[in-house]
């Protein structure tokens, strides 16, 4: 398991001319400087010729099963480097994705990514408690960062991530894939157009039955229980569906199954939120039962129901609207298409110098609200 302490920063060495760029230069009658090679590469990217080079930090289920396959399908993203504490696993994945041995890193020499001009950005898929350290180190290495949610485990760490990326003039995006998914975007459109009338209330739930021994049940690694992992989907959905920020939050937390799983984290969380418009949201999440993720939005002229709402594929929206035909939409694209969309959105932000919609501030706000939920429930993120 990689260390949780910040490592020493490594000085950035000069970029080296690769054999490929050298041969290209010779063929053209000239040899480009390393900076010229890099500048030309970026021009090719913006013209559609090159894909954003991702360094995958953490080889787990979400990276190997979803994000890396997405990069292989993508026209704008590709896997160029790996960071892992398991050399055998890294070697196997490197062979599958044509990653050269020189681009394999351990957590101890992670800072050396600064020397690798093939790496444009890192994708961080580590346990929650490690997000801040490896984001900050990436920014100091001159790399953009796409970080899995939750952003971190504390508000302070989240702000430090934002500060580090800002100081390095690098993009920071939090992987809220649902905000880029077509069915969720349709729900937002129907609400903004007033199709279901004035919003009144939202209900949402998301959870599953977690197994003993998983890192998510260790507060030192996860930061908290189901709220941090899957409850955050409901929290974020209520915010982007209403387009508002909650002005009052009340939370509850319980442990029902005293079977050894919940020694450091809670089993269940429930919370209510009041938004400035008067909309009230009620949400629940659990690690103790199968709880298919859903969202119901009630308006004066109708209702939107999404279930599944947060899955990797097959998201289903059903809308019943007064005096209109019902609307049904099911996302037909298959996993990992949502991750393709997410990776490519970040690539576009980097190439076109745009701020990601789900930037560090978006992640920070959810961290602040989860802190309030835990505080109300008598728990703490610290």
Protein backbone atom coordinates (compact mmCIF):
# COMPACT_ATOMS: atom_id res chain seq x y z
CA UNK A 1 0.00 0.00 0.00
CA UNK A 2 1.47 3.41 -0.94
CA UNK A 3 2.43 5.86 1.77
CA UNK A 4 -0.06 8.50 2.78
CA UNK A 5 2.58 11.16 3.45
CA UNK A 6 3.71 13.72 0.93
CA UNK A 7 6.92 12.75 -0.78
CA UNK A 8 9.88 14.90 -1.73
CA UNK A 9 9.44 16.97 -4.86
CA UNK A 10 11.74 16.14 -7.75
CA UNK A 11 13.23 18.87 -9.93
CA UNK A 12 11.88 18.90 -13.46
CA UNK A 13 14.64 17.86 -15.89
CA UNK A 14 14.81 18.94 -19.50
CA UNK A 15 12.56 17.05 -21.90
CA UNK A 16 14.49 14.55 -24.03
CA UNK A 17 14.11 14.21 -27.78
CA UNK A 18 12.54 10.84 -28.51
CA UNK A 19 13.83 8.57 -31.27
CA UNK A 20 10.59 9.13 -33.14
CA UNK A 21 10.83 12.94 -33.04
CA UNK A 22 14.54 12.76 -33.94
CA UNK A 23 13.84 10.61 -37.00
CA UNK A 24 11.00 12.90 -38.03
CA UNK A 25 13.31 15.90 -37.79
CA UNK A 26 16.05 14.22 -39.78
CA UNK A 27 13.60 13.30 -42.52
CA UNK A 28 12.52 16.91 -42.71
CA UNK A 29 16.09 18.17 -42.80
CA UNK A 30 16.05 19.60 -39.29
CA UNK A 31 15.94 18.46 -35.67
CA UNK A 32 13.37 20.21 -33.50
CA UNK A 33 14.13 21.28 -29.96
CA UNK A 34 12.20 19.45 -27.19
CA UNK A 35 9.99 22.50 -26.60
CA UNK A 36 9.26 22.78 -30.32
CA UNK A 37 8.33 19.09 -30.43
CA UNK A 38 5.95 19.61 -27.52
CA UNK A 39 4.38 22.71 -29.05
CA UNK A 40 3.85 20.93 -32.36
CA UNK A 41 2.24 17.99 -30.53
CA UNK A 42 -0.27 20.30 -28.89
CA UNK A 43 -1.11 21.85 -32.26
CA UNK A 44 -1.77 18.37 -33.62
CA UNK A 45 -4.06 17.63 -30.68
CA UNK A 46 -6.10 20.76 -31.20
CA UNK A 47 -6.37 19.84 -34.86
CA UNK A 48 -7.56 16.37 -33.99
CA UNK A 49 -4.25 14.62 -34.58
CA UNK A 50 -3.18 13.67 -31.06
CA UNK A 51 -4.95 12.42 -27.97
CA UNK A 52 -4.49 13.59 -24.39
CA UNK A 53 -1.93 11.37 -22.68
CA UNK A 54 -3.26 10.06 -19.35
CA UNK A 55 -1.17 8.59 -16.57
CA UNK A 56 -3.39 6.21 -14.60
CA UNK A 57 -2.73 6.48 -10.87
CA UNK A 58 -4.08 3.38 -9.13
CA UNK A 59 -4.96 0.12 -10.86
CA UNK A 60 -8.28 -0.87 -9.35
CA UNK A 61 -11.75 -1.76 -10.55
CA UNK A 62 -12.77 1.66 -11.81
CA UNK A 63 -9.54 2.38 -13.67
CA UNK A 64 -8.95 -1.04 -15.21
CA UNK A 65 -12.61 -1.95 -15.74
CA UNK A 66 -13.98 1.37 -16.96
CA UNK A 67 -11.66 4.34 -17.49
CA UNK A 68 -8.80 2.60 -19.29
CA UNK A 69 -11.13 0.76 -21.71
CA UNK A 70 -12.78 4.15 -22.33
CA UNK A 71 -9.45 5.69 -23.30
CA UNK A 72 -8.88 2.84 -25.75
CA UNK A 73 -12.22 3.65 -27.41
CA UNK A 74 -11.64 7.40 -27.37
CA UNK A 75 -10.57 9.69 -30.21
CA UNK A 76 -9.21 12.30 -27.80
CA UNK A 77 -7.68 10.34 -24.90
CA UNK A 78 -5.13 7.55 -24.48
CA UNK A 79 -3.26 5.74 -21.70
CA UNK A 80 0.46 6.52 -21.80
CA UNK A 81 1.68 5.72 -18.26
CA UNK A 82 0.73 3.76 -15.14
CA UNK A 83 1.37 4.20 -11.42
CA UNK A 84 0.94 1.15 -9.22
CA UNK A 85 2.31 -0.55 -6.13
CA UNK A 86 1.99 -3.94 -7.85
CA UNK A 87 4.66 -4.41 -10.56
CA UNK A 88 3.09 -7.61 -11.93
CA UNK A 89 -0.31 -5.96 -12.38
CA UNK A 90 1.29 -2.88 -13.93
CA UNK A 91 3.29 -5.00 -16.39
CA UNK A 92 0.17 -6.91 -17.43
CA UNK A 93 -1.84 -3.73 -18.04
CA UNK A 94 1.12 -2.10 -19.79
CA UNK A 95 1.24 -4.96 -22.27
CA UNK A 96 -2.49 -4.68 -22.89
CA UNK A 97 -2.36 -0.91 -23.51
CA UNK A 98 1.05 -0.71 -25.21
CA UNK A 99 2.53 1.36 -22.40
CA UNK A 100 6.36 1.26 -22.55
CA UNK A 101 8.26 -0.01 -19.52
CA UNK A 102 9.87 3.39 -19.02
CA UNK A 103 6.39 4.81 -18.33
CA UNK A 104 5.67 2.51 -15.38
CA UNK A 105 6.00 4.16 -11.98
CA UNK A 106 5.68 3.15 -8.35
CA UNK A 107 4.21 5.44 -5.74
CA UNK A 108 7.72 6.13 -4.42
CA UNK A 109 8.95 7.56 -7.75
CA UNK A 110 5.62 9.10 -8.77
CA UNK A 111 7.11 12.60 -8.88
CA UNK A 112 9.28 11.55 -11.84
CA UNK A 113 6.25 11.92 -14.08
CA UNK A 114 7.41 15.54 -14.27
CA UNK A 115 10.20 14.36 -16.59
CA UNK A 116 7.83 12.59 -18.99
CA UNK A 117 6.52 14.83 -21.78
CA UNK A 118 4.17 12.09 -23.00
CA UNK A 119 2.04 12.58 -19.88
CA UNK A 120 -0.40 15.49 -20.18
CA UNK A 121 -2.71 14.59 -17.29
CA UNK A 122 -3.22 12.10 -14.50
CA UNK A 123 -6.37 10.16 -13.71
CA UNK A 124 -6.49 9.51 -9.96
CA UNK A 125 -8.41 6.37 -8.95
CA UNK A 126 -6.97 5.79 -5.49
CA UNK A 127 -8.71 5.38 -2.12
CA UNK A 128 -10.31 8.66 -1.09
CA UNK A 129 -7.73 9.59 1.53
CA UNK A 130 -4.98 9.63 -1.12
CA UNK A 131 -6.69 11.94 -3.61
CA UNK A 132 -5.28 15.15 -2.15
CA UNK A 133 -1.66 14.01 -1.94
CA UNK A 134 -1.48 12.63 -5.46
CA UNK A 135 -3.36 15.58 -6.96
CA UNK A 136 -0.97 18.05 -5.34
CA UNK A 137 2.06 16.05 -6.43
CA UNK A 138 0.71 15.88 -9.98
CA UNK A 139 0.18 19.63 -10.08
CA UNK A 140 3.71 20.17 -8.80
CA UNK A 141 4.91 17.87 -11.57
CA UNK A 142 3.20 20.09 -14.13
CA UNK A 143 0.30 17.77 -14.97
CA UNK A 144 -3.45 18.35 -15.27
CA UNK A 145 -5.66 16.29 -12.94
CA UNK A 146 -8.88 14.32 -13.41
CA UNK A 147 -9.72 13.00 -9.94
CA UNK A 148 -12.39 10.51 -8.96
CA UNK A 149 -15.07 11.57 -6.53
CA UNK A 150 -15.27 12.26 -3.67
CA UNK A 151 -12.69 14.95 -4.21
CA UNK A 152 -10.95 14.23 -0.90
CA UNK A 153 -11.83 13.35 2.68
CA UNK A 154 -11.75 16.85 4.19
CA UNK A 155 -12.66 20.37 3.15
CA UNK A 156 -9.11 21.49 3.90
CA UNK A 157 -7.57 18.89 1.60
CA UNK A 158 -10.02 19.82 -1.15
CA UNK A 159 -9.04 23.47 -0.94
CA UNK A 160 -5.36 22.51 -0.98
CA UNK A 161 -5.95 20.57 -4.22
CA UNK A 162 -7.55 23.62 -5.80
CA UNK A 163 -4.72 25.86 -4.63
CA UNK A 164 -2.01 23.53 -5.96
CA UNK A 165 -3.56 23.25 -9.42
CA UNK A 166 -4.18 26.99 -9.58
CA UNK A 167 -0.58 27.75 -8.61
CA UNK A 168 0.68 25.36 -11.30
CA UNK A 169 -1.81 26.74 -13.87
CA UNK A 170 -3.21 23.23 -14.41
CA UNK A 171 -6.79 22.05 -14.87
CA UNK A 172 -8.56 20.15 -12.10
CA UNK A 173 -11.73 18.21 -12.85
CA UNK A 174 -13.69 15.93 -10.52
CA UNK A 175 -15.14 12.83 -12.18
CA UNK A 176 -18.86 13.54 -11.87
CA UNK A 177 -19.72 11.53 -14.99
CA UNK A 178 -23.50 11.93 -14.54
CA UNK A 179 -23.23 15.64 -15.31
CA UNK A 180 -22.08 14.71 -18.82
CA UNK A 181 -24.52 11.83 -19.40
CA UNK A 182 -27.34 12.50 -21.95
CA UNK A 183 -30.28 11.23 -19.89
CA UNK A 184 -29.30 13.37 -16.90
CA UNK A 185 -28.83 16.29 -19.28
CA UNK A 186 -32.34 15.70 -20.65
CA UNK A 187 -33.73 15.80 -17.10
CA UNK A 188 -32.02 19.15 -16.53
CA UNK A 189 -33.40 20.46 -19.83
CA UNK A 190 -36.98 19.42 -19.03
CA UNK A 191 -36.75 21.09 -15.62
CA UNK A 192 -35.18 24.32 -16.92
CA UNK A 193 -37.81 24.57 -19.67
CA UNK A 194 -40.54 24.36 -17.03
CA UNK A 195 -42.02 21.21 -18.51
CA UNK A 196 -42.90 19.74 -15.09
CA UNK A 197 -43.87 23.12 -13.67
CA UNK A 198 -42.55 24.65 -10.46
CA UNK A 199 -40.29 22.28 -8.57
CA UNK A 200 -41.57 21.20 -5.19
CA UNK A 201 -39.56 18.22 -3.90
CA UNK A 202 -36.86 15.69 -4.76
CA UNK A 203 -36.31 12.17 -3.47
CA UNK A 204 -33.15 10.18 -4.08
CA UNK A 205 -31.42 7.04 -2.81
CA UNK A 206 -28.33 5.02 -3.68
CA UNK A 207 -26.57 2.15 -1.94
CA UNK A 208 -25.44 -1.46 -1.90
CA UNK A 209 -24.49 -4.24 0.52
CA UNK A 210 -20.76 -3.83 1.12
CA UNK A 211 -18.55 -6.81 1.92
CA UNK A 212 -16.37 -7.18 4.99
CA UNK A 213 -12.74 -6.35 4.32
CA UNK A 214 -13.24 -3.71 1.61
CA UNK A 215 -11.17 -0.52 1.97
CA UNK A 216 -14.38 1.53 1.88
CA UNK A 217 -15.15 0.29 5.41
CA UNK A 218 -11.91 1.78 6.76
CA UNK A 219 -12.42 5.44 7.67
CA UNK A 220 -8.69 6.19 7.39
CA UNK A 221 -8.86 5.31 3.71
CA UNK A 222 -12.45 6.22 2.82
CA UNK A 223 -13.05 9.25 5.02
CA UNK A 224 -16.56 8.07 5.82
CA UNK A 225 -19.20 5.52 4.91
CA UNK A 226 -21.75 5.30 2.08
CA UNK A 227 -22.32 9.05 1.96
CA UNK A 228 -18.76 9.59 0.71
CA UNK A 229 -18.97 6.77 -1.83
CA UNK A 230 -22.46 6.51 -3.31
CA UNK A 231 -24.57 9.00 -1.36
CA UNK A 232 -22.61 11.77 -3.02
CA UNK A 233 -24.42 10.91 -6.27
CA UNK A 234 -27.76 11.88 -4.74
CA UNK A 235 -26.28 15.00 -3.16
CA UNK A 236 -24.74 16.17 -6.41
CA UNK A 237 -27.86 15.30 -8.43
CA UNK A 238 -30.11 17.42 -6.21
CA UNK A 239 -27.76 20.35 -6.76
CA UNK A 240 -27.47 20.11 -10.54
CA UNK A 241 -31.17 19.31 -11.07
CA UNK A 242 -32.35 22.33 -9.08
CA UNK A 243 -29.47 24.55 -10.16
CA UNK A 244 -29.34 25.78 -6.57
CA UNK A 245 -27.19 25.35 -3.49
CA UNK A 246 -28.86 24.08 -0.28
CA UNK A 247 -29.34 26.66 2.43
CA UNK A 248 -30.17 24.22 5.22
CA UNK A 249 -29.13 20.61 5.80
CA UNK A 250 -30.09 18.06 8.45
CA UNK A 251 -28.49 14.63 8.61
CA UNK A 252 -28.85 11.27 10.33
CA UNK A 253 -26.48 8.33 10.61
CA UNK A 254 -27.02 4.79 11.92
CA UNK A 255 -25.46 1.35 12.24
CA UNK A 256 -27.96 -1.52 12.26
CA UNK A 257 -25.85 -4.59 11.44
CA UNK A 258 -23.25 -5.07 14.17
CA UNK A 259 -21.39 -7.74 12.23
CA UNK A 260 -17.89 -6.27 12.23
CA UNK A 261 -18.21 -4.24 9.04
CA UNK A 262 -19.03 -0.90 10.61
CA UNK A 263 -16.41 -0.39 13.28
CA UNK A 264 -15.12 2.91 11.86
CA UNK A 265 -17.74 4.05 9.33
CA UNK A 266 -21.53 4.33 9.39
CA UNK A 267 -23.86 1.90 7.66
CA UNK A 268 -26.69 4.28 6.76
CA UNK A 269 -27.03 8.00 6.11
CA UNK A 270 -30.12 10.09 5.56
CA UNK A 271 -30.39 13.82 5.06
CA UNK A 272 -32.78 16.54 4.01
CA UNK A 273 -31.96 19.77 2.24
CA UNK A 274 -33.89 22.99 1.79
CA UNK A 275 -33.05 25.07 -1.26
CA UNK A 276 -33.59 28.84 -1.63
CA UNK A 277 -36.58 28.33 -3.97
CA UNK A 278 -38.31 26.28 -1.26
CA UNK A 279 -37.62 22.88 -2.84
CA UNK A 280 -37.05 20.18 -0.22
CA UNK A 281 -34.89 17.15 -1.00
CA UNK A 282 -34.83 13.91 0.96
CA UNK A 283 -31.95 11.46 0.40
CA UNK A 284 -30.75 8.13 1.80
CA UNK A 285 -27.73 5.91 1.24
CA UNK A 286 -26.54 2.61 2.67
CA UNK A 287 -23.83 -0.05 2.78
CA UNK A 288 -26.28 -2.50 4.34
CA UNK A 289 -28.74 -3.32 1.55
CA UNK A 290 -29.21 -3.36 -2.18
CA UNK A 291 -30.58 0.09 -2.99
CA UNK A 292 -30.84 0.80 -6.74
CA UNK A 293 -30.01 4.43 -7.35
CA UNK A 294 -33.01 6.59 -8.22
CA UNK A 295 -34.09 10.21 -8.39
CA UNK A 296 -37.68 11.51 -8.37
CA UNK A 297 -38.34 15.18 -9.07
CA UNK A 298 -41.85 16.44 -8.29
CA UNK A 299 -43.19 19.53 -10.01
CA UNK A 300 -46.55 21.33 -10.16
CA UNK A 301 -47.21 19.91 -13.66
CA UNK A 302 -45.57 16.50 -13.49
CA UNK A 303 -42.80 14.25 -12.26
CA UNK A 304 -39.45 12.95 -13.49
CA UNK A 305 -38.29 9.53 -12.34
CA UNK A 306 -34.82 8.22 -13.13
CA UNK A 307 -34.02 4.61 -12.20
CA UNK A 308 -31.35 3.51 -12.54
CA UNK A 309 -30.06 7.05 -12.21
CA UNK A 310 -26.36 6.56 -11.48
CA UNK A 311 -25.42 3.30 -13.23
CA UNK A 312 -22.63 2.98 -15.79
CA UNK A 313 -25.17 2.18 -18.51
CA UNK A 314 -28.93 1.92 -19.11
CA UNK A 315 -29.96 5.07 -17.22
CA UNK A 316 -33.75 5.36 -17.59
CA UNK A 317 -35.81 8.53 -17.42
CA UNK A 318 -39.62 8.45 -17.29
CA UNK A 319 -41.53 11.74 -17.21
CA UNK A 320 -45.24 12.13 -16.63
CA UNK A 321 -46.32 15.62 -17.60
CA UNK A 322 -49.79 17.15 -17.33
CA UNK A 323 -51.77 17.04 -20.60
CA UNK A 324 -48.80 15.56 -22.50
CA UNK A 325 -47.62 12.16 -23.61
CA UNK A 326 -45.22 10.49 -21.17
CA UNK A 327 -41.52 10.73 -22.01
CA UNK A 328 -39.28 7.68 -21.81
CA UNK A 329 -35.58 7.67 -22.52
CA UNK A 330 -33.08 4.91 -21.85
CA UNK A 331 -29.38 5.47 -22.44
CA UNK A 332 -28.56 3.00 -25.19
CA UNK A 333 -24.80 3.35 -25.08
CA UNK A 334 -22.90 0.73 -23.11
CA UNK A 335 -20.24 0.92 -20.45
CA UNK A 336 -17.63 2.45 -20.71
CA UNK A 337 -19.19 5.15 -22.94
CA UNK A 338 -19.87 7.44 -19.96
CA UNK A 339 -16.17 7.33 -19.16
CA UNK A 340 -15.28 8.10 -22.78
CA UNK A 341 -17.42 11.21 -22.55
CA UNK A 342 -15.83 12.17 -19.24
CA UNK A 343 -12.23 11.65 -20.42
CA UNK A 344 -12.81 13.50 -23.66
CA UNK A 345 -14.53 16.40 -21.95
CA UNK A 346 -11.44 16.89 -19.84
CA UNK A 347 -9.23 16.59 -22.92
CA UNK A 348 -11.23 19.36 -24.60
CA UNK A 349 -10.87 21.54 -21.50
CA UNK A 350 -7.10 21.09 -21.59
CA UNK A 351 -6.70 21.62 -25.34
CA UNK A 352 -9.10 24.55 -25.56
CA UNK A 353 -8.11 26.08 -22.19
CA UNK A 354 -11.67 25.85 -20.82
CA UNK A 355 -12.68 25.47 -17.19
CA UNK A 356 -14.30 22.09 -16.51
CA UNK A 357 -17.95 22.23 -15.50
CA UNK A 358 -17.18 19.84 -12.63
CA UNK A 359 -14.06 21.64 -11.47
CA UNK A 360 -12.43 21.70 -8.06
CA UNK A 361 -14.98 24.17 -6.73
CA UNK A 362 -17.78 21.72 -7.59
CA UNK A 363 -16.01 18.98 -5.65
CA UNK A 364 -15.30 21.33 -2.75
CA UNK A 365 -18.96 22.29 -2.41
CA UNK A 366 -20.00 18.65 -2.05
CA UNK A 367 -17.28 18.16 0.56
CA UNK A 368 -18.63 21.15 2.49
CA UNK A 369 -22.18 19.80 2.38
CA UNK A 370 -21.11 16.30 3.42
CA UNK A 371 -19.25 17.86 6.33
CA UNK A 372 -22.52 19.55 7.36
CA UNK A 373 -24.45 16.28 7.04
CA UNK A 374 -21.95 14.43 9.22
CA UNK A 375 -21.88 17.25 11.77
CA UNK A 376 -25.67 17.26 11.98
CA UNK A 377 -25.60 13.47 12.44
CA UNK A 378 -23.05 13.71 15.24
CA UNK A 379 -20.14 12.48 13.15
CA UNK A 380 -17.02 14.12 11.79
CA UNK A 381 -14.91 13.98 8.63
CA UNK A 382 -11.72 14.41 10.68
